[in-house]
N, C-alpha and C. Protein backbone atom coordinates (compact mmCIF):
# COMPACT_ATOMS: atom_id res chain seq x y z
N MET A 1 0.85 -1.19 0.00
CA MET A 1 0.00 0.00 0.00
C MET A 1 0.89 1.24 0.00
N PRO A 2 0.74 2.17 -0.97
CA PRO A 2 1.61 3.35 -1.04
C PRO A 2 1.40 4.27 0.15
N ASP A 3 2.47 4.98 0.52
CA ASP A 3 2.37 5.94 1.62
C ASP A 3 1.44 7.08 1.22
N PHE A 4 0.61 7.51 2.16
CA PHE A 4 -0.28 8.64 1.91
C PHE A 4 0.47 9.94 2.09
N LYS A 5 0.39 10.80 1.09
CA LYS A 5 1.04 12.11 1.18
C LYS A 5 -0.03 13.20 1.13
N PRO A 6 -0.17 13.96 2.22
CA PRO A 6 -1.20 15.00 2.23
C PRO A 6 -0.92 16.06 1.17
N PRO A 7 -1.95 16.68 0.63
CA PRO A 7 -1.74 17.72 -0.39
C PRO A 7 -0.95 18.89 0.20
N LYS A 8 -0.13 19.51 -0.65
CA LYS A 8 0.68 20.63 -0.20
C LYS A 8 -0.17 21.89 -0.10
N ASP A 9 0.09 22.69 0.94
CA ASP A 9 -0.66 23.92 1.09
C ASP A 9 -0.06 25.01 0.20
N ALA A 10 -0.75 26.15 0.12
CA ALA A 10 -0.34 27.23 -0.78
C ALA A 10 1.05 27.75 -0.43
N TYR A 11 1.33 27.85 0.84
CA TYR A 11 2.65 28.33 1.28
C TYR A 11 3.76 27.44 0.75
N THR A 12 3.60 26.13 0.91
CA THR A 12 4.62 25.18 0.45
C THR A 12 4.77 25.22 -1.06
N LEU A 13 3.66 25.32 -1.77
CA LEU A 13 3.69 25.35 -3.23
C LEU A 13 4.46 26.57 -3.74
N ILE A 14 4.21 27.73 -3.14
CA ILE A 14 4.90 28.95 -3.58
C ILE A 14 6.37 28.89 -3.21
N LEU A 15 6.67 28.43 -2.00
CA LEU A 15 8.05 28.33 -1.56
C LEU A 15 8.84 27.38 -2.45
N GLU A 16 8.26 26.26 -2.80
CA GLU A 16 8.94 25.31 -3.69
C GLU A 16 9.17 25.92 -5.07
N ALA A 17 8.20 26.70 -5.55
CA ALA A 17 8.34 27.33 -6.86
C ALA A 17 9.50 28.34 -6.85
N ILE A 18 9.66 29.04 -5.74
CA ILE A 18 10.80 29.96 -5.60
C ILE A 18 12.10 29.18 -5.54
N ASP A 19 12.09 28.10 -4.76
CA ASP A 19 13.29 27.28 -4.58
C ASP A 19 13.73 26.65 -5.90
N LEU A 20 12.78 26.27 -6.74
CA LEU A 20 13.09 25.63 -8.02
C LEU A 20 13.40 26.64 -9.13
N GLY A 21 13.28 27.93 -8.81
CA GLY A 21 13.60 28.94 -9.80
C GLY A 21 12.46 29.28 -10.74
N VAL A 22 11.26 28.77 -10.45
CA VAL A 22 10.09 29.15 -11.26
C VAL A 22 9.86 30.65 -11.10
N TYR A 23 9.99 31.11 -9.86
CA TYR A 23 9.95 32.55 -9.56
C TYR A 23 11.32 32.94 -9.03
N LYS A 24 11.93 33.90 -9.68
CA LYS A 24 13.29 34.32 -9.34
C LYS A 24 13.26 35.67 -8.63
N PRO A 25 14.36 36.03 -7.93
CA PRO A 25 14.43 37.35 -7.29
C PRO A 25 14.03 38.46 -8.26
N GLY A 26 13.11 39.31 -7.80
CA GLY A 26 12.63 40.40 -8.63
C GLY A 26 11.33 40.10 -9.34
N ASP A 27 10.93 38.83 -9.42
CA ASP A 27 9.67 38.47 -10.08
C ASP A 27 8.48 38.90 -9.23
N ARG A 28 7.45 39.40 -9.90
CA ARG A 28 6.24 39.84 -9.20
C ARG A 28 5.29 38.66 -9.03
N LEU A 29 4.70 38.54 -7.84
CA LEU A 29 3.76 37.47 -7.56
C LEU A 29 2.35 38.06 -7.46
N VAL A 30 1.45 37.52 -8.28
CA VAL A 30 0.08 38.02 -8.36
C VAL A 30 -0.87 36.95 -7.85
N GLU A 31 -1.75 37.33 -6.93
CA GLU A 31 -2.66 36.37 -6.30
C GLU A 31 -3.43 35.54 -7.32
N SER A 32 -4.05 36.22 -8.28
CA SER A 32 -4.90 35.51 -9.23
C SER A 32 -4.10 34.53 -10.09
N GLU A 33 -2.90 34.92 -10.49
CA GLU A 33 -2.06 34.04 -11.31
C GLU A 33 -1.61 32.82 -10.51
N LEU A 34 -1.26 33.04 -9.24
CA LEU A 34 -0.83 31.93 -8.38
C LEU A 34 -1.99 30.98 -8.11
N ALA A 35 -3.18 31.53 -7.90
CA ALA A 35 -4.36 30.69 -7.66
C ALA A 35 -4.65 29.81 -8.87
N ASP A 36 -4.51 30.37 -10.08
CA ASP A 36 -4.73 29.58 -11.29
C ASP A 36 -3.66 28.52 -11.46
N ARG A 37 -2.41 28.89 -11.22
CA ARG A 37 -1.29 27.95 -11.40
C ARG A 37 -1.43 26.74 -10.48
N PHE A 38 -1.76 27.00 -9.21
CA PHE A 38 -1.76 25.92 -8.22
C PHE A 38 -3.15 25.32 -7.97
N GLY A 39 -4.17 25.89 -8.59
CA GLY A 39 -5.50 25.32 -8.45
C GLY A 39 -6.10 25.46 -7.07
N VAL A 40 -5.83 26.59 -6.41
CA VAL A 40 -6.39 26.85 -5.08
C VAL A 40 -7.07 28.22 -5.10
N SER A 41 -7.86 28.49 -4.08
CA SER A 41 -8.55 29.77 -4.03
C SER A 41 -7.60 30.89 -3.63
N ARG A 42 -8.02 32.12 -3.79
CA ARG A 42 -7.14 33.26 -3.54
C ARG A 42 -6.89 33.50 -2.05
N THR A 43 -7.81 33.04 -1.19
CA THR A 43 -7.63 33.29 0.24
C THR A 43 -6.38 32.62 0.80
N PRO A 44 -6.17 31.31 0.59
CA PRO A 44 -4.92 30.71 1.09
C PRO A 44 -3.68 31.27 0.38
N ILE A 45 -3.82 31.67 -0.88
CA ILE A 45 -2.70 32.31 -1.58
C ILE A 45 -2.34 33.61 -0.88
N ARG A 46 -3.34 34.41 -0.56
CA ARG A 46 -3.09 35.69 0.12
C ARG A 46 -2.43 35.47 1.46
N GLU A 47 -2.91 34.48 2.22
CA GLU A 47 -2.31 34.18 3.53
C GLU A 47 -0.87 33.71 3.37
N ALA A 48 -0.60 32.90 2.35
CA ALA A 48 0.75 32.41 2.12
C ALA A 48 1.69 33.56 1.75
N LEU A 49 1.22 34.47 0.92
CA LEU A 49 2.05 35.62 0.53
C LEU A 49 2.37 36.49 1.74
N GLN A 50 1.40 36.67 2.62
CA GLN A 50 1.63 37.46 3.83
C GLN A 50 2.68 36.78 4.71
N ARG A 51 2.60 35.47 4.81
CA ARG A 51 3.57 34.71 5.61
C ARG A 51 4.97 34.82 5.01
N LEU A 52 5.08 34.69 3.71
CA LEU A 52 6.38 34.78 3.03
C LEU A 52 6.96 36.19 3.15
N GLU A 53 6.09 37.20 3.14
CA GLU A 53 6.57 38.57 3.32
C GLU A 53 7.10 38.77 4.75
N THR A 54 6.40 38.20 5.72
CA THR A 54 6.84 38.30 7.12
C THR A 54 8.21 37.65 7.30
N GLN A 55 8.47 36.59 6.53
CA GLN A 55 9.75 35.88 6.62
C GLN A 55 10.82 36.51 5.74
N SER A 56 10.49 37.65 5.12
CA SER A 56 11.44 38.41 4.27
C SER A 56 11.81 37.68 2.98
N LEU A 57 11.00 36.69 2.59
CA LEU A 57 11.23 36.03 1.32
C LEU A 57 10.58 36.80 0.17
N LEU A 58 9.60 37.63 0.51
CA LEU A 58 8.98 38.55 -0.44
C LEU A 58 9.13 39.96 0.09
N THR A 59 9.15 40.91 -0.82
CA THR A 59 9.28 42.31 -0.42
C THR A 59 8.33 43.16 -1.24
N ARG A 60 8.07 44.38 -0.80
CA ARG A 60 7.13 45.26 -1.48
C ARG A 60 7.84 46.10 -2.54
N ASP A 61 7.19 46.21 -3.69
CA ASP A 61 7.62 47.13 -4.74
C ASP A 61 6.38 47.94 -5.10
N GLY A 62 6.20 49.05 -4.40
CA GLY A 62 4.94 49.77 -4.51
C GLY A 62 3.85 48.94 -3.86
N ARG A 63 2.82 48.62 -4.63
CA ARG A 63 1.72 47.80 -4.10
C ARG A 63 1.92 46.33 -4.42
N SER A 64 2.94 46.01 -5.17
CA SER A 64 3.18 44.63 -5.58
C SER A 64 4.14 43.92 -4.63
N LEU A 65 3.99 42.60 -4.58
CA LEU A 65 4.94 41.76 -3.86
C LEU A 65 5.86 41.10 -4.87
N ILE A 66 7.16 41.18 -4.62
CA ILE A 66 8.13 40.54 -5.50
C ILE A 66 9.03 39.62 -4.67
N VAL A 67 9.63 38.66 -5.34
CA VAL A 67 10.58 37.77 -4.67
C VAL A 67 11.80 38.59 -4.27
N ALA A 68 12.18 38.48 -3.01
CA ALA A 68 13.30 39.27 -2.49
C ALA A 68 14.62 38.79 -3.08
N SER A 69 15.60 39.65 -3.02
CA SER A 69 16.96 39.28 -3.45
C SER A 69 17.91 39.60 -2.30
N LEU A 70 19.06 38.95 -2.33
CA LEU A 70 20.06 39.14 -1.28
C LEU A 70 21.24 39.92 -1.84
N ASP A 71 21.63 40.98 -1.13
CA ASP A 71 22.83 41.70 -1.54
C ASP A 71 24.06 40.98 -0.98
N HIS A 72 25.24 41.50 -1.29
CA HIS A 72 26.47 40.82 -0.88
C HIS A 72 26.55 40.64 0.64
N ASN A 73 26.21 41.68 1.39
CA ASN A 73 26.30 41.60 2.85
C ASN A 73 25.31 40.58 3.41
N GLN A 74 24.09 40.58 2.87
CA GLN A 74 23.09 39.62 3.34
C GLN A 74 23.53 38.19 3.03
N LEU A 75 24.12 38.00 1.86
CA LEU A 75 24.60 36.68 1.48
C LEU A 75 25.70 36.20 2.44
N ALA A 76 26.63 37.10 2.76
CA ALA A 76 27.71 36.75 3.69
C ALA A 76 27.16 36.41 5.07
N GLU A 77 26.18 37.19 5.52
CA GLU A 77 25.57 36.94 6.83
C GLU A 77 24.84 35.60 6.85
N LEU A 78 24.14 35.29 5.76
CA LEU A 78 23.39 34.04 5.67
C LEU A 78 24.34 32.85 5.73
N TYR A 79 25.42 32.91 4.97
CA TYR A 79 26.37 31.79 4.96
C TYR A 79 27.08 31.66 6.31
N ALA A 80 27.36 32.78 6.98
CA ALA A 80 28.01 32.72 8.29
C ALA A 80 27.13 32.00 9.31
N VAL A 81 25.85 32.35 9.31
CA VAL A 81 24.91 31.70 10.24
C VAL A 81 24.73 30.24 9.87
N ARG A 82 24.61 29.99 8.57
CA ARG A 82 24.43 28.61 8.11
C ARG A 82 25.61 27.73 8.51
N ALA A 83 26.82 28.24 8.34
CA ALA A 83 28.01 27.46 8.66
C ALA A 83 28.03 27.07 10.13
N GLU A 84 27.71 28.02 11.02
CA GLU A 84 27.73 27.73 12.46
C GLU A 84 26.65 26.75 12.85
N LEU A 85 25.41 26.98 12.35
CA LEU A 85 24.30 26.11 12.74
C LEU A 85 24.47 24.71 12.17
N GLU A 86 24.89 24.62 10.92
CA GLU A 86 25.06 23.29 10.32
C GLU A 86 26.25 22.56 10.95
N GLY A 87 27.30 23.31 11.27
CA GLY A 87 28.42 22.69 11.96
C GLY A 87 28.00 22.13 13.29
N PHE A 88 27.16 22.86 14.01
CA PHE A 88 26.65 22.41 15.31
C PHE A 88 25.78 21.17 15.11
N ALA A 89 24.96 21.15 14.04
CA ALA A 89 24.13 19.97 13.75
C ALA A 89 25.00 18.75 13.51
N ALA A 90 26.10 18.92 12.79
CA ALA A 90 27.00 17.80 12.52
C ALA A 90 27.64 17.32 13.82
N ARG A 91 28.01 18.26 14.69
CA ARG A 91 28.60 17.88 15.98
C ARG A 91 27.60 17.03 16.79
N LEU A 92 26.34 17.47 16.82
CA LEU A 92 25.32 16.72 17.56
C LEU A 92 25.04 15.38 16.89
N ALA A 93 25.06 15.36 15.56
CA ALA A 93 24.83 14.10 14.84
C ALA A 93 25.91 13.08 15.19
N ALA A 94 27.14 13.55 15.39
CA ALA A 94 28.23 12.63 15.76
C ALA A 94 27.96 11.98 17.12
N ARG A 95 27.19 12.67 17.96
CA ARG A 95 26.86 12.12 19.27
C ARG A 95 25.60 11.24 19.22
N HIS A 96 24.62 11.65 18.41
CA HIS A 96 23.28 11.07 18.55
C HIS A 96 22.78 10.28 17.35
N ALA A 97 23.46 10.35 16.20
CA ALA A 97 22.97 9.64 15.02
C ALA A 97 22.93 8.14 15.27
N THR A 98 21.85 7.50 14.83
CA THR A 98 21.74 6.04 14.96
C THR A 98 22.56 5.37 13.85
N ASP A 99 22.79 4.08 14.01
CA ASP A 99 23.50 3.33 12.96
C ASP A 99 22.74 3.42 11.64
N GLU A 100 21.41 3.38 11.71
CA GLU A 100 20.59 3.46 10.50
C GLU A 100 20.75 4.82 9.82
N GLU A 101 20.84 5.87 10.60
CA GLU A 101 21.00 7.21 10.02
C GLU A 101 22.37 7.35 9.35
N VAL A 102 23.39 6.79 9.96
CA VAL A 102 24.72 6.83 9.35
C VAL A 102 24.72 6.06 8.04
N ARG A 103 24.08 4.89 8.03
CA ARG A 103 24.01 4.10 6.80
C ARG A 103 23.27 4.87 5.71
N LEU A 104 22.20 5.55 6.08
CA LEU A 104 21.44 6.34 5.12
C LEU A 104 22.30 7.46 4.53
N LEU A 105 23.05 8.14 5.37
CA LEU A 105 23.92 9.22 4.89
C LEU A 105 24.97 8.68 3.93
N ARG A 106 25.54 7.54 4.24
CA ARG A 106 26.54 6.94 3.34
C ARG A 106 25.90 6.55 2.01
N THR A 107 24.70 6.02 2.08
CA THR A 107 23.99 5.64 0.85
C THR A 107 23.70 6.87 -0.01
N MET A 108 23.31 7.94 0.64
CA MET A 108 23.01 9.18 -0.09
C MET A 108 24.26 9.70 -0.81
N VAL A 109 25.41 9.63 -0.14
CA VAL A 109 26.65 10.09 -0.76
C VAL A 109 26.95 9.27 -2.01
N GLU A 110 26.83 7.96 -1.92
CA GLU A 110 27.14 7.10 -3.07
C GLU A 110 26.15 7.30 -4.20
N GLU A 111 24.87 7.45 -3.87
CA GLU A 111 23.87 7.68 -4.92
C GLU A 111 24.05 9.04 -5.59
N ASP A 112 24.48 10.03 -4.80
CA ASP A 112 24.64 11.38 -5.34
C ASP A 112 25.83 11.48 -6.29
N ARG A 113 26.77 10.55 -6.18
CA ARG A 113 27.91 10.55 -7.12
C ARG A 113 27.43 10.41 -8.57
N LYS A 114 26.30 9.75 -8.76
CA LYS A 114 25.76 9.55 -10.10
C LYS A 114 25.19 10.83 -10.69
N LEU A 115 25.04 11.87 -9.87
CA LEU A 115 24.38 13.10 -10.30
C LEU A 115 25.37 14.24 -10.55
N ILE A 116 26.65 13.94 -10.51
CA ILE A 116 27.67 14.98 -10.60
C ILE A 116 27.52 15.83 -11.85
N ASP A 117 27.09 15.24 -12.95
CA ASP A 117 26.96 15.98 -14.21
C ASP A 117 25.60 16.64 -14.39
N ASP A 118 24.78 16.61 -13.36
CA ASP A 118 23.44 17.21 -13.41
C ASP A 118 23.29 18.16 -12.22
N PRO A 119 23.74 19.43 -12.34
CA PRO A 119 23.75 20.36 -11.20
C PRO A 119 22.39 20.53 -10.53
N LYS A 120 21.31 20.57 -11.31
CA LYS A 120 19.99 20.77 -10.71
C LYS A 120 19.59 19.59 -9.85
N ALA A 121 19.79 18.39 -10.38
CA ALA A 121 19.45 17.18 -9.61
C ALA A 121 20.36 17.06 -8.39
N LEU A 122 21.63 17.40 -8.56
CA LEU A 122 22.57 17.33 -7.45
C LEU A 122 22.21 18.36 -6.38
N SER A 123 21.71 19.52 -6.81
CA SER A 123 21.29 20.54 -5.86
C SER A 123 20.14 20.05 -4.99
N ARG A 124 19.17 19.37 -5.62
CA ARG A 124 18.05 18.80 -4.85
C ARG A 124 18.55 17.72 -3.89
N ALA A 125 19.46 16.88 -4.38
CA ALA A 125 20.02 15.83 -3.52
C ALA A 125 20.83 16.43 -2.38
N ASN A 126 21.51 17.52 -2.66
CA ASN A 126 22.31 18.21 -1.65
C ASN A 126 21.42 18.69 -0.51
N ARG A 127 20.26 19.25 -0.87
CA ARG A 127 19.34 19.71 0.17
C ARG A 127 18.85 18.55 1.03
N ARG A 128 18.56 17.42 0.38
CA ARG A 128 18.11 16.25 1.15
C ARG A 128 19.21 15.76 2.09
N PHE A 129 20.44 15.77 1.61
CA PHE A 129 21.57 15.32 2.44
C PHE A 129 21.71 16.20 3.68
N HIS A 130 21.69 17.52 3.47
CA HIS A 130 21.85 18.43 4.61
C HIS A 130 20.68 18.29 5.58
N LYS A 131 19.46 18.12 5.04
CA LYS A 131 18.30 17.95 5.90
C LYS A 131 18.45 16.70 6.76
N GLN A 132 19.02 15.64 6.20
CA GLN A 132 19.19 14.41 6.96
C GLN A 132 20.18 14.61 8.11
N ILE A 133 21.22 15.41 7.88
CA ILE A 133 22.15 15.73 8.98
C ILE A 133 21.43 16.53 10.06
N HIS A 134 20.59 17.47 9.65
CA HIS A 134 19.82 18.24 10.63
C HIS A 134 19.00 17.28 11.51
N LEU A 135 18.30 16.35 10.86
CA LEU A 135 17.47 15.42 11.61
C LEU A 135 18.30 14.51 12.50
N ALA A 136 19.50 14.14 12.04
CA ALA A 136 20.36 13.25 12.82
C ALA A 136 20.92 13.94 14.06
N SER A 137 20.80 15.26 14.14
CA SER A 137 21.23 15.98 15.35
C SER A 137 20.30 15.68 16.52
N HIS A 138 19.06 15.26 16.21
CA HIS A 138 18.05 14.96 17.22
C HIS A 138 17.81 16.15 18.15
N ASN A 139 17.79 17.34 17.56
CA ASN A 139 17.48 18.56 18.32
C ASN A 139 16.44 19.35 17.54
N ARG A 140 15.20 19.28 17.97
CA ARG A 140 14.09 19.85 17.20
C ARG A 140 14.21 21.36 17.05
N TYR A 141 14.78 22.04 18.06
CA TYR A 141 14.88 23.50 17.99
C TYR A 141 15.94 23.92 16.98
N LEU A 142 17.01 23.17 16.91
CA LEU A 142 18.04 23.44 15.91
C LEU A 142 17.49 23.19 14.51
N VAL A 143 16.73 22.12 14.35
CA VAL A 143 16.13 21.81 13.04
C VAL A 143 15.22 22.95 12.59
N GLN A 144 14.45 23.51 13.52
CA GLN A 144 13.56 24.62 13.19
C GLN A 144 14.35 25.83 12.70
N GLN A 145 15.44 26.14 13.37
CA GLN A 145 16.25 27.29 12.96
C GLN A 145 16.91 27.05 11.60
N LEU A 146 17.35 25.84 11.37
CA LEU A 146 17.97 25.53 10.09
C LEU A 146 16.94 25.56 8.96
N ASP A 147 15.70 25.21 9.25
CA ASP A 147 14.64 25.32 8.24
C ASP A 147 14.47 26.77 7.81
N LEU A 148 14.54 27.69 8.77
CA LEU A 148 14.44 29.12 8.45
C LEU A 148 15.59 29.57 7.56
N VAL A 149 16.79 29.12 7.90
CA VAL A 149 17.97 29.48 7.11
C VAL A 149 17.84 28.95 5.69
N HIS A 150 17.39 27.71 5.56
CA HIS A 150 17.31 27.11 4.23
C HIS A 150 16.17 27.69 3.41
N ARG A 151 15.16 28.24 4.05
CA ARG A 151 14.13 28.96 3.29
C ARG A 151 14.75 30.18 2.60
N SER A 152 15.63 30.87 3.32
CA SER A 152 16.30 32.03 2.73
C SER A 152 17.22 31.62 1.59
N MET A 153 17.78 30.42 1.66
CA MET A 153 18.64 29.94 0.57
C MET A 153 17.87 29.83 -0.74
N ALA A 154 16.53 29.73 -0.64
CA ALA A 154 15.71 29.65 -1.85
C ALA A 154 15.80 30.93 -2.68
N LEU A 155 16.27 32.02 -2.08
CA LEU A 155 16.37 33.29 -2.79
C LEU A 155 17.60 33.35 -3.70
N LEU A 156 18.45 32.35 -3.65
CA LEU A 156 19.63 32.31 -4.51
C LEU A 156 19.22 31.74 -5.86
N ALA A 157 19.38 32.54 -6.89
CA ALA A 157 18.85 32.18 -8.21
C ALA A 157 19.63 31.06 -8.88
N THR A 158 20.87 30.84 -8.45
CA THR A 158 21.70 29.80 -9.06
C THR A 158 22.28 28.89 -7.97
N THR A 159 22.80 27.76 -8.38
CA THR A 159 23.46 26.85 -7.45
C THR A 159 24.96 26.86 -7.67
N SER A 160 25.72 26.86 -6.60
CA SER A 160 27.18 26.82 -6.72
C SER A 160 27.64 25.49 -7.31
N LEU A 161 26.74 24.51 -7.34
CA LEU A 161 27.09 23.18 -7.85
C LEU A 161 27.25 23.17 -9.37
N SER A 162 26.85 24.26 -10.03
CA SER A 162 27.03 24.34 -11.47
C SER A 162 28.44 24.79 -11.85
N PHE A 163 29.22 25.24 -10.85
CA PHE A 163 30.59 25.68 -11.10
C PHE A 163 31.46 24.46 -11.42
N GLU A 164 32.31 24.59 -12.40
CA GLU A 164 33.10 23.46 -12.88
C GLU A 164 33.90 22.80 -11.74
N GLY A 165 33.72 21.51 -11.57
CA GLY A 165 34.45 20.74 -10.57
C GLY A 165 33.83 20.75 -9.20
N ARG A 166 32.82 21.62 -8.99
CA ARG A 166 32.24 21.74 -7.65
C ARG A 166 31.43 20.50 -7.26
N GLY A 167 30.81 19.84 -8.24
CA GLY A 167 30.01 18.66 -7.93
C GLY A 167 30.84 17.57 -7.29
N THR A 168 31.96 17.23 -7.91
CA THR A 168 32.84 16.19 -7.37
C THR A 168 33.39 16.59 -6.01
N GLN A 169 33.79 17.85 -5.90
CA GLN A 169 34.32 18.35 -4.63
C GLN A 169 33.27 18.25 -3.53
N THR A 170 32.03 18.57 -3.86
CA THR A 170 30.95 18.53 -2.88
C THR A 170 30.73 17.12 -2.35
N ILE A 171 30.71 16.15 -3.26
CA ILE A 171 30.50 14.76 -2.83
C ILE A 171 31.64 14.30 -1.92
N ASP A 172 32.85 14.67 -2.24
CA ASP A 172 34.00 14.31 -1.39
C ASP A 172 33.87 14.96 -0.01
N GLU A 173 33.41 16.20 0.02
CA GLU A 173 33.22 16.89 1.30
C GLU A 173 32.10 16.23 2.10
N HIS A 174 31.02 15.84 1.43
CA HIS A 174 29.93 15.14 2.10
C HIS A 174 30.44 13.83 2.72
N SER A 175 31.26 13.11 1.98
CA SER A 175 31.80 11.85 2.48
C SER A 175 32.62 12.07 3.74
N ALA A 176 33.43 13.13 3.76
CA ALA A 176 34.26 13.42 4.93
C ALA A 176 33.40 13.75 6.15
N ILE A 177 32.31 14.47 5.92
CA ILE A 177 31.38 14.81 7.01
C ILE A 177 30.77 13.54 7.58
N VAL A 178 30.31 12.66 6.70
CA VAL A 178 29.65 11.43 7.15
C VAL A 178 30.62 10.54 7.92
N GLU A 179 31.85 10.43 7.46
CA GLU A 179 32.80 9.56 8.14
C GLU A 179 33.16 10.10 9.52
N ALA A 180 33.19 11.43 9.66
CA ALA A 180 33.43 12.02 10.98
C ALA A 180 32.26 11.73 11.91
N ILE A 181 31.03 11.82 11.37
CA ILE A 181 29.85 11.49 12.17
C ILE A 181 29.88 10.02 12.57
N ALA A 182 30.23 9.15 11.62
CA ALA A 182 30.28 7.71 11.90
C ALA A 182 31.31 7.39 12.97
N ALA A 183 32.39 8.15 12.99
CA ALA A 183 33.46 7.92 13.98
C ALA A 183 33.16 8.59 15.31
N GLN A 184 31.99 9.23 15.39
CA GLN A 184 31.58 9.97 16.59
C GLN A 184 32.59 11.05 16.96
N ASP A 185 33.17 11.64 15.92
CA ASP A 185 34.14 12.73 16.07
C ASP A 185 33.41 14.06 15.91
N GLY A 186 32.87 14.55 17.01
CA GLY A 186 32.06 15.77 16.97
C GLY A 186 32.80 16.96 16.42
N GLN A 187 34.03 17.19 16.89
CA GLN A 187 34.80 18.33 16.43
C GLN A 187 35.15 18.20 14.95
N GLY A 188 35.51 16.98 14.55
CA GLY A 188 35.84 16.74 13.15
C GLY A 188 34.64 16.96 12.24
N ALA A 189 33.46 16.51 12.69
CA ALA A 189 32.24 16.70 11.89
C ALA A 189 31.89 18.18 11.80
N TYR A 190 32.04 18.88 12.91
CA TYR A 190 31.77 20.33 12.94
C TYR A 190 32.68 21.06 11.95
N GLU A 191 33.97 20.77 12.01
CA GLU A 191 34.92 21.45 11.15
C GLU A 191 34.73 21.08 9.68
N ALA A 192 34.41 19.80 9.42
CA ALA A 192 34.21 19.36 8.03
C ALA A 192 33.00 20.04 7.41
N LEU A 193 31.93 20.19 8.20
CA LEU A 193 30.75 20.81 7.62
C LEU A 193 30.93 22.32 7.47
N LYS A 194 31.59 22.95 8.43
CA LYS A 194 31.87 24.39 8.31
C LYS A 194 32.74 24.67 7.09
N THR A 195 33.75 23.84 6.87
CA THR A 195 34.62 24.00 5.71
C THR A 195 33.82 23.82 4.42
N HIS A 196 32.91 22.86 4.43
CA HIS A 196 32.05 22.59 3.27
C HIS A 196 31.22 23.83 2.92
N ILE A 197 30.61 24.46 3.92
CA ILE A 197 29.78 25.64 3.68
C ILE A 197 30.65 26.82 3.24
N SER A 198 31.80 26.98 3.87
CA SER A 198 32.71 28.08 3.50
C SER A 198 33.18 27.94 2.05
N THR A 199 33.47 26.71 1.63
CA THR A 199 33.90 26.48 0.26
C THR A 199 32.78 26.78 -0.72
N ALA A 200 31.55 26.41 -0.35
CA ALA A 200 30.39 26.71 -1.20
C ALA A 200 30.21 28.21 -1.35
N PHE A 201 30.41 28.95 -0.27
CA PHE A 201 30.28 30.41 -0.32
C PHE A 201 31.35 31.01 -1.22
N LEU A 202 32.59 30.54 -1.07
CA LEU A 202 33.67 31.03 -1.91
C LEU A 202 33.38 30.75 -3.39
N THR A 203 32.85 29.56 -3.68
CA THR A 203 32.51 29.20 -5.05
C THR A 203 31.44 30.14 -5.60
N ARG A 204 30.45 30.45 -4.77
CA ARG A 204 29.39 31.37 -5.21
C ARG A 204 29.95 32.75 -5.50
N LEU A 205 30.88 33.22 -4.68
CA LEU A 205 31.50 34.52 -4.93
C LEU A 205 32.27 34.52 -6.25
N ARG A 206 32.95 33.41 -6.53
CA ARG A 206 33.68 33.29 -7.80
C ARG A 206 32.70 33.29 -8.97
N GLN A 207 31.56 32.61 -8.81
CA GLN A 207 30.54 32.62 -9.85
C GLN A 207 30.05 34.04 -10.13
N ASP A 208 29.77 34.78 -9.05
CA ASP A 208 29.28 36.14 -9.20
C ASP A 208 30.31 37.03 -9.87
N ALA A 209 31.59 36.82 -9.52
CA ALA A 209 32.66 37.61 -10.12
C ALA A 209 32.77 37.31 -11.61
N ASP A 210 32.67 36.04 -11.97
CA ASP A 210 32.74 35.65 -13.38
C ASP A 210 31.58 36.24 -14.16
N SER A 211 30.38 36.23 -13.55
CA SER A 211 29.21 36.80 -14.22
C SER A 211 29.38 38.29 -14.43
N ALA A 212 29.94 38.98 -13.44
CA ALA A 212 30.16 40.43 -13.56
C ALA A 212 31.16 40.73 -14.67
N ASP A 213 32.19 39.89 -14.78
CA ASP A 213 33.19 40.09 -15.85
C ASP A 213 32.56 39.93 -17.22
N ARG A 214 31.70 38.90 -17.37
CA ARG A 214 31.05 38.68 -18.66
C ARG A 214 30.12 39.84 -19.02
N TYR A 215 29.42 40.34 -17.99
CA TYR A 215 28.48 41.44 -18.23
C TYR A 215 29.22 42.71 -18.65
N SER A 216 30.41 42.93 -18.06
CA SER A 216 31.18 44.14 -18.35
C SER A 216 31.73 44.11 -19.76
N LEU A 217 31.88 42.89 -20.33
CA LEU A 217 32.37 42.77 -21.69
C LEU A 217 31.27 43.12 -22.66
């Protein structure tokens, strides 16, 4: 018997559309268009938009709501917080992860190696991998805070995994994180995950610099 999956609410549908790049930073969101796209009434759409605005994922442009964008300082702040919180999650996972959770993480790393040449698919797999580490921390309050951080990550229009060589590097970094967790090396897991996030941030900065150079030409 297949697992029952409840229908997604308007908030989740819009957030996923932003995360998948259907709506990019600067795009205007219109209640009637969203209601037609997702097949729901305008009332839950309106409530979802208000919630997303409260979370700073949407911003006002006159009377319109648009998908927010992150400037350089906001991006640096987001990655700094992410690195600390995710590093802490890895440290806790090294203490509390079950044998089954460690096996799952190892399986995810090996399966994700097949996606190295598909940045979009690898990006989705990357999110699942990080979410599994959050859950392996067995700290519900930390998971809640990391969910907030990762919602803001949806505002990034591109993935650093599209940068040449980054896919292979990412999988190797994931493997190092998992092995530290498996060895119950809290400090090693913390440092491995922080380094992983810092490298991703540096890669994104290089991507932005390359894009600026192309635009200036």
